[in-house]
Amino acid sequence: MCVDLMGGRIKELKNGGEVILGTYQRGDGKTANTHLCLPNFANEGAEIYQLPSHGPVRNGLWKVVEQKRNSLKIEFEFEKVGIYPGRISVCQNFVLKNNLFLHRIVVKNNGSSVPLNLGIHNYLEASSGWKGLEINGKNMDEKVEASGYVVLMNNNTIGIPGLRRLRWGVNGFKYAKLWVGNGDNRYICIEPVKDKEGFIETPESAVRGGETLSFYQKISIGGAGF
């Protein structure tokens, strides 16, 4: 695994020589890889709170808290972004063990009650093309083309054409958004999210002062790991 502290991004995750998460040159000219979206998932909050798309954490400088042979823990804290009233700290803990990748996220609200959403903008390798993508045995082509959502279970399967099937466990995420750039065919974005776009503009999105939220995703290859 290769992590960029600028943005707390996963630049590459491999099992042997097989790429699971990668960095891609998109058709719109942007270079993209896996990052957190916090406190807004997409563009919600931009008008009300002047938040940047996907929030500030994907472009901030994270600090290393702990690094071991098979694990890495990094942290980031932000406040006074636009007119968003929150003071938020977030920790990402990455663990590699055998065929299992564990990505744990802990978010703490250090201020007063604020609206908050969280997503992971995963860029998964699709070197044989994404069409024919299956999640939990169901074809997702129409969902991808519509940038749609799928309801997640605690344990899911991902079938990307030409690659080994992935087992994907999640906690704290209700949905996954499926997305790919117009005409792009080397990757597929499968993005777990606490709730859908627009969520932070609803009363249900409020997180109390002092409250801590925990999330994780875990990925294993070929049915092994969990």
Protein backbone atom coordinates (compact mmCIF):
# COMPACT_ATOMS: atom_id res chain seq x y z
CA MET A 1 0.00 0.00 0.00
CA CYS A 2 1.17 3.53 -0.81
CA VAL A 3 -0.41 6.47 1.05
CA ASP A 4 0.03 10.16 0.22
CA LEU A 5 -0.12 12.32 3.36
CA MET A 6 -1.28 15.23 1.21
CA GLY A 7 -4.97 14.40 1.26
CA GLY A 8 -4.57 11.17 3.24
CA ARG A 9 -5.01 9.34 -0.06
CA ILE A 10 -4.44 5.72 -0.98
CA LYS A 11 -2.35 5.97 -4.15
CA GLU A 12 -2.08 2.20 -4.58
CA LEU A 13 -3.18 -0.99 -2.86
CA LYS A 14 -1.86 -4.27 -4.29
CA ASN A 15 -2.03 -7.94 -3.45
CA GLY A 16 1.13 -9.38 -4.95
CA GLY A 17 1.15 -7.90 -8.42
CA GLU A 18 -2.62 -7.39 -8.55
CA VAL A 19 -3.82 -3.78 -8.19
CA ILE A 20 -6.95 -3.35 -6.06
CA LEU A 21 -7.00 0.46 -5.62
CA GLY A 22 -4.99 2.65 -7.95
CA THR A 23 -4.23 6.11 -9.32
CA TYR A 24 -5.78 7.02 -12.67
CA GLN A 25 -5.65 9.79 -15.22
CA ARG A 26 -9.31 10.58 -15.84
CA GLY A 27 -10.79 11.71 -19.11
CA ASP A 28 -11.38 15.18 -17.65
CA GLY A 29 -7.63 15.56 -17.08
CA LYS A 30 -7.69 15.03 -13.31
CA THR A 31 -5.39 12.55 -11.58
CA ALA A 32 -7.54 10.60 -9.12
CA ASN A 33 -7.12 8.10 -6.31
CA THR A 34 -8.93 6.95 -3.17
CA HIS A 35 -9.74 9.60 -0.54
CA LEU A 36 -12.18 10.46 2.23
CA CYS A 37 -15.14 12.81 1.73
CA LEU A 38 -15.89 14.75 4.96
CA PRO A 39 -18.01 16.51 6.24
CA ASN A 40 -19.89 16.53 2.92
CA PHE A 41 -19.97 13.64 0.48
CA ALA A 42 -20.22 15.58 -2.79
CA ASN A 43 -21.32 19.18 -3.43
CA GLU A 44 -23.97 19.39 -0.72
CA GLY A 45 -23.08 22.08 1.77
CA ALA A 46 -21.32 24.18 -0.86
CA GLU A 47 -24.04 26.83 -0.92
CA ILE A 48 -25.05 26.81 2.75
CA TYR A 49 -21.61 26.32 4.35
CA GLN A 50 -19.22 27.27 1.50
CA LEU A 51 -17.62 23.81 1.75
CA PRO A 52 -15.43 22.56 -1.11
CA SER A 53 -16.61 19.55 -3.10
CA HIS A 54 -16.03 16.37 -1.02
CA GLY A 55 -14.89 18.53 1.92
CA PRO A 56 -11.43 19.76 2.97
CA VAL A 57 -9.79 16.55 4.21
CA ARG A 58 -8.90 15.18 0.75
CA ASN A 59 -6.58 18.15 0.10
CA GLY A 60 -5.17 18.75 3.59
CA LEU A 61 -1.84 17.59 5.01
CA TRP A 62 -2.27 14.62 7.35
CA LYS A 63 0.21 13.67 10.07
CA VAL A 64 1.53 10.22 10.92
CA VAL A 65 0.53 9.05 14.41
CA GLU A 66 1.89 5.52 14.25
CA GLN A 67 3.61 3.39 11.61
CA LYS A 68 4.40 -0.31 11.88
CA ARG A 69 5.40 -3.01 9.42
CA ASN A 70 1.81 -3.81 8.44
CA SER A 71 -0.15 -0.77 9.64
CA LEU A 72 -0.32 3.01 9.43
CA LYS A 73 -2.35 5.52 11.47
CA ILE A 74 -2.77 9.13 10.30
CA GLU A 75 -4.78 12.10 11.61
CA PHE A 76 -6.20 15.39 10.38
CA GLU A 77 -8.14 18.18 12.11
CA PHE A 78 -10.02 21.07 10.57
CA GLU A 79 -12.16 24.03 11.61
CA LYS A 80 -13.36 27.32 10.11
CA VAL A 81 -13.76 25.96 6.59
CA GLY A 82 -16.06 28.38 4.78
CA ILE A 83 -18.82 29.08 7.29
CA TYR A 84 -19.11 25.46 8.41
CA PRO A 85 -19.28 25.66 12.22
CA GLY A 86 -17.59 22.34 12.99
CA ARG A 87 -14.25 21.50 14.56
CA ILE A 88 -13.62 17.96 13.41
CA SER A 89 -10.76 15.52 13.95
CA VAL A 90 -10.47 12.36 11.87
CA CYS A 91 -8.16 9.36 12.07
CA GLN A 92 -7.51 6.78 9.36
CA ASN A 93 -6.01 3.45 10.39
CA PHE A 94 -4.81 1.14 7.59
CA VAL A 95 -3.94 -2.50 8.35
CA LEU A 96 -2.63 -5.17 5.95
CA LYS A 97 -2.84 -8.78 7.09
CA ASN A 98 -2.49 -11.75 4.75
CA ASN A 99 -5.15 -11.17 2.06
CA LEU A 100 -7.10 -8.66 4.15
CA PHE A 101 -7.04 -4.86 3.95
CA LEU A 102 -8.73 -3.03 6.85
CA HIS A 103 -9.45 0.69 6.58
CA ARG A 104 -10.87 2.10 9.81
CA ILE A 105 -12.02 5.73 10.19
CA VAL A 106 -12.81 7.47 13.48
CA VAL A 107 -14.39 10.95 13.41
CA LYS A 108 -14.82 13.16 16.48
CA ASN A 109 -16.83 16.36 16.72
CA ASN A 110 -14.79 18.61 19.02
CA GLY A 111 -17.24 21.52 18.93
CA SER A 112 -20.98 22.12 19.04
CA SER A 113 -23.59 20.07 17.18
CA VAL A 114 -22.98 20.11 13.40
CA PRO A 115 -24.26 18.33 10.28
CA LEU A 116 -21.90 15.66 8.97
CA ASN A 117 -21.63 13.00 6.29
CA LEU A 118 -18.74 10.68 5.42
CA GLY A 119 -17.83 8.73 2.31
CA ILE A 120 -14.81 6.95 0.86
CA HIS A 121 -14.16 7.72 -2.80
CA ASN A 122 -12.69 4.32 -3.75
CA TYR A 123 -11.02 4.01 -7.16
CA LEU A 124 -10.90 0.29 -7.93
CA GLU A 125 -8.88 -1.20 -10.74
CA ALA A 126 -10.94 -2.27 -13.77
CA SER A 127 -8.20 -2.99 -16.32
CA SER A 128 -10.57 -5.14 -18.43
CA GLY A 129 -13.32 -2.49 -18.27
CA TRP A 130 -16.03 -1.95 -15.68
CA LYS A 131 -19.04 -3.09 -17.73
CA GLY A 132 -20.36 -6.30 -16.25
CA LEU A 133 -19.68 -5.09 -12.69
CA GLU A 134 -21.58 -7.12 -10.12
CA ILE A 135 -22.31 -6.33 -6.49
CA ASN A 136 -23.81 -9.14 -4.43
CA GLY A 137 -24.44 -11.10 -7.63
CA LYS A 138 -26.43 -8.36 -9.39
CA ASN A 139 -25.34 -6.51 -12.53
CA MET A 140 -24.67 -2.82 -11.82
CA ASP A 141 -24.16 -1.38 -15.33
CA GLU A 142 -27.32 0.76 -15.23
CA LYS A 143 -26.48 2.03 -11.75
CA VAL A 144 -22.98 3.05 -12.88
CA GLU A 145 -24.29 4.83 -15.97
CA ALA A 146 -26.79 6.74 -13.82
CA SER A 147 -24.25 7.46 -11.02
CA GLY A 148 -26.71 5.65 -8.79
CA TYR A 149 -26.71 4.15 -5.32
CA VAL A 150 -26.91 0.58 -4.06
CA VAL A 151 -27.91 -0.43 -0.52
CA LEU A 152 -25.04 -2.12 1.33
CA MET A 153 -25.03 -5.13 3.62
CA ASN A 154 -22.41 -5.68 6.29
CA ASN A 155 -20.68 -8.17 4.00
CA ASN A 156 -20.76 -7.77 0.23
CA THR A 157 -19.13 -9.22 -2.88
CA ILE A 158 -17.69 -7.22 -5.78
CA GLY A 159 -17.18 -8.80 -9.18
CA ILE A 160 -15.10 -6.70 -11.59
CA PRO A 161 -14.67 -8.28 -15.06
CA GLY A 162 -11.31 -9.99 -15.56
CA LEU A 163 -10.30 -9.72 -11.89
CA ARG A 164 -10.67 -11.95 -8.86
CA ARG A 165 -13.84 -11.48 -6.85
CA LEU A 166 -13.53 -9.24 -3.79
CA ARG A 167 -15.22 -9.62 -0.45
CA TRP A 168 -16.07 -6.21 0.98
CA GLY A 169 -17.23 -5.65 4.54
CA VAL A 170 -18.45 -2.27 5.77
CA ASN A 171 -19.66 -0.69 9.00
CA GLY A 172 -21.36 2.71 9.35
CA PHE A 173 -22.10 3.01 5.64
CA LYS A 174 -25.69 2.62 4.37
CA TYR A 175 -25.08 2.99 0.63
CA ALA A 176 -22.47 2.88 -2.08
CA LYS A 177 -22.47 5.32 -4.95
CA LEU A 178 -21.33 3.84 -8.27
CA TRP A 179 -19.58 6.26 -10.57
CA VAL A 180 -17.15 6.47 -13.49
CA GLY A 181 -15.99 9.48 -15.50
CA ASN A 182 -17.50 9.98 -18.92
CA GLY A 183 -15.77 7.58 -21.32
CA ASP A 184 -13.33 6.27 -18.67
CA ASN A 185 -12.79 2.51 -18.58
CA ARG A 186 -9.73 1.71 -16.44
CA TYR A 187 -11.34 2.10 -13.02
CA ILE A 188 -14.67 1.94 -11.25
CA CYS A 189 -15.63 4.08 -8.26
CA ILE A 190 -17.53 2.17 -5.58
CA GLU A 191 -18.00 4.72 -2.82
CA PRO A 192 -19.41 3.71 0.58
CA VAL A 193 -21.23 6.59 2.22
CA LYS A 194 -22.96 7.22 5.54
CA ASP A 195 -25.92 8.65 3.66
CA LYS A 196 -26.75 10.04 0.23
CA GLU A 197 -25.93 13.44 -1.26
CA GLY A 198 -27.89 16.21 0.41
CA PHE A 199 -27.82 14.44 3.79
CA ILE A 200 -25.99 17.21 5.65
CA GLU A 201 -28.80 19.59 4.75
CA THR A 202 -31.29 17.51 6.79
CA PRO A 203 -31.89 17.51 10.59
CA GLU A 204 -30.93 13.82 10.78
CA SER A 205 -27.33 14.67 9.89
CA ALA A 206 -26.60 16.43 13.19
CA VAL A 207 -23.67 15.07 15.23
CA ARG A 208 -23.57 16.20 18.86
CA GLY A 209 -20.62 17.99 20.40
CA GLY A 210 -18.12 15.46 21.78
CA GLU A 211 -19.67 12.60 19.77
CA THR A 212 -17.36 10.07 18.10
CA LEU A 213 -18.33 8.06 15.01
CA SER A 214 -16.56 4.91 13.81
CA PHE A 215 -16.56 3.40 10.33
CA TYR A 216 -14.62 0.77 8.44
CA GLN A 217 -14.27 -1.00 5.16
CA LYS A 218 -12.37 -4.25 4.74
CA ILE A 219 -11.43 -5.87 1.47
CA SER A 220 -10.22 -9.40 0.87
CA ILE A 221 -9.39 -11.18 -2.35
CA GLY A 222 -10.82 -14.44 -3.65
CA GLY A 223 -13.02 -15.08 -0.63
CA ALA A 224 -10.19 -15.19 1.92
CA GLY A 225 -9.67 -12.99 4.95
CA PHE A 226 -12.99 -12.70 6.81
